[in-house]
Amino acid sequence: MPTIDVVIELSHDACLAHYEGRVGQVHTRSLDGRKVIFPAEALRRVVTRDGVHGRFRLTFSEAGRFVSIRKL
């Protein structure tokens, strides 16, 4: 499955908007400059008390659908 490495820097308040469903997608850039969009609900797996901060590896299906996220 294809993977993309991204840097995500979201405050607690920004994550709360995603968590509450007020924001449906996360828009970011990969480390190599590609625009990446994935479902905001994925952040639930990596959010901490301070928000989401760091490098993450996103995995997508061959059809381009989001599969997983993990911190690097």
Protein backbone atom coordinates (compact mmCIF):
# COMPACT_ATOMS: atom_id res chain seq x y z
CA MET A 1 0.00 0.00 0.00
CA PRO A 2 1.23 3.51 -0.74
CA THR A 3 2.44 5.64 2.17
CA ILE A 4 3.04 9.36 2.56
CA ASP A 5 5.01 11.01 5.35
CA VAL A 6 3.64 14.32 6.63
CA VAL A 7 4.25 16.83 9.39
CA ILE A 8 1.14 17.74 11.38
CA GLU A 9 1.07 20.63 13.83
CA LEU A 10 -2.41 21.15 15.27
CA SER A 11 -3.27 22.80 18.57
CA HIS A 12 -5.67 21.24 21.05
CA ASP A 13 -8.40 23.66 19.91
CA ALA A 14 -7.88 22.80 16.23
CA CYS A 15 -8.08 19.10 17.06
CA LEU A 16 -11.27 19.70 19.02
CA ALA A 17 -12.92 21.17 15.91
CA HIS A 18 -11.94 18.03 13.99
CA TYR A 19 -13.07 15.74 16.81
CA GLU A 20 -16.46 17.44 17.13
CA GLY A 21 -17.08 17.05 13.41
CA ARG A 22 -16.97 20.75 12.59
CA VAL A 23 -14.09 19.98 10.23
CA GLY A 24 -14.29 16.85 8.10
CA GLN A 25 -10.87 16.71 6.46
CA VAL A 26 -7.27 17.53 7.28
CA HIS A 27 -5.29 19.37 4.62
CA THR A 28 -1.50 19.18 4.87
CA ARG A 29 1.62 18.72 2.76
CA SER A 30 3.86 15.70 2.52
CA LEU A 31 7.56 15.94 3.26
CA ASP A 32 8.18 15.96 -0.49
CA GLY A 33 5.70 18.80 -1.10
CA ARG A 34 2.55 16.97 -2.26
CA LYS A 35 -0.86 18.18 -1.10
CA VAL A 36 -2.47 15.55 1.14
CA ILE A 37 -6.08 15.34 2.33
CA PHE A 38 -7.33 12.70 4.75
CA PRO A 39 -10.35 12.21 7.05
CA ALA A 40 -10.23 14.23 10.27
CA GLU A 41 -11.46 11.23 12.26
CA ALA A 42 -7.99 9.71 11.75
CA LEU A 43 -6.61 12.25 14.23
CA ARG A 44 -8.46 10.48 17.04
CA ARG A 45 -5.80 7.77 16.88
CA VAL A 46 -2.89 10.17 17.44
CA VAL A 47 -4.24 13.19 19.34
CA THR A 48 -2.72 14.02 22.72
CA ARG A 49 -3.65 16.54 25.38
CA ASP A 50 -1.57 19.14 23.49
CA GLY A 51 -3.02 18.39 20.05
CA VAL A 52 -1.22 16.62 17.21
CA HIS A 53 2.44 17.42 16.69
CA GLY A 54 5.11 15.60 14.74
CA ARG A 55 5.84 13.46 11.72
CA PHE A 56 3.33 10.81 10.73
CA ARG A 57 3.10 8.10 8.10
CA LEU A 58 -0.25 7.86 6.33
CA THR A 59 -1.14 4.64 4.53
CA PHE A 60 -3.58 4.59 1.63
CA SER A 61 -5.20 1.77 -0.32
CA GLU A 62 -4.32 1.23 -3.97
CA ALA A 63 -7.57 3.09 -4.76
CA GLY A 64 -6.32 6.13 -2.81
CA ARG A 65 -8.51 5.75 0.26
CA PHE A 66 -7.09 6.44 3.72
CA VAL A 67 -6.22 3.29 5.71
CA SER A 68 -4.08 4.26 8.72
CA ILE A 69 -1.88 6.82 10.47
CA ARG A 70 1.08 6.25 12.77
CA LYS A 71 3.61 8.51 14.43
CA LEU A 72 7.19 8.24 13.20
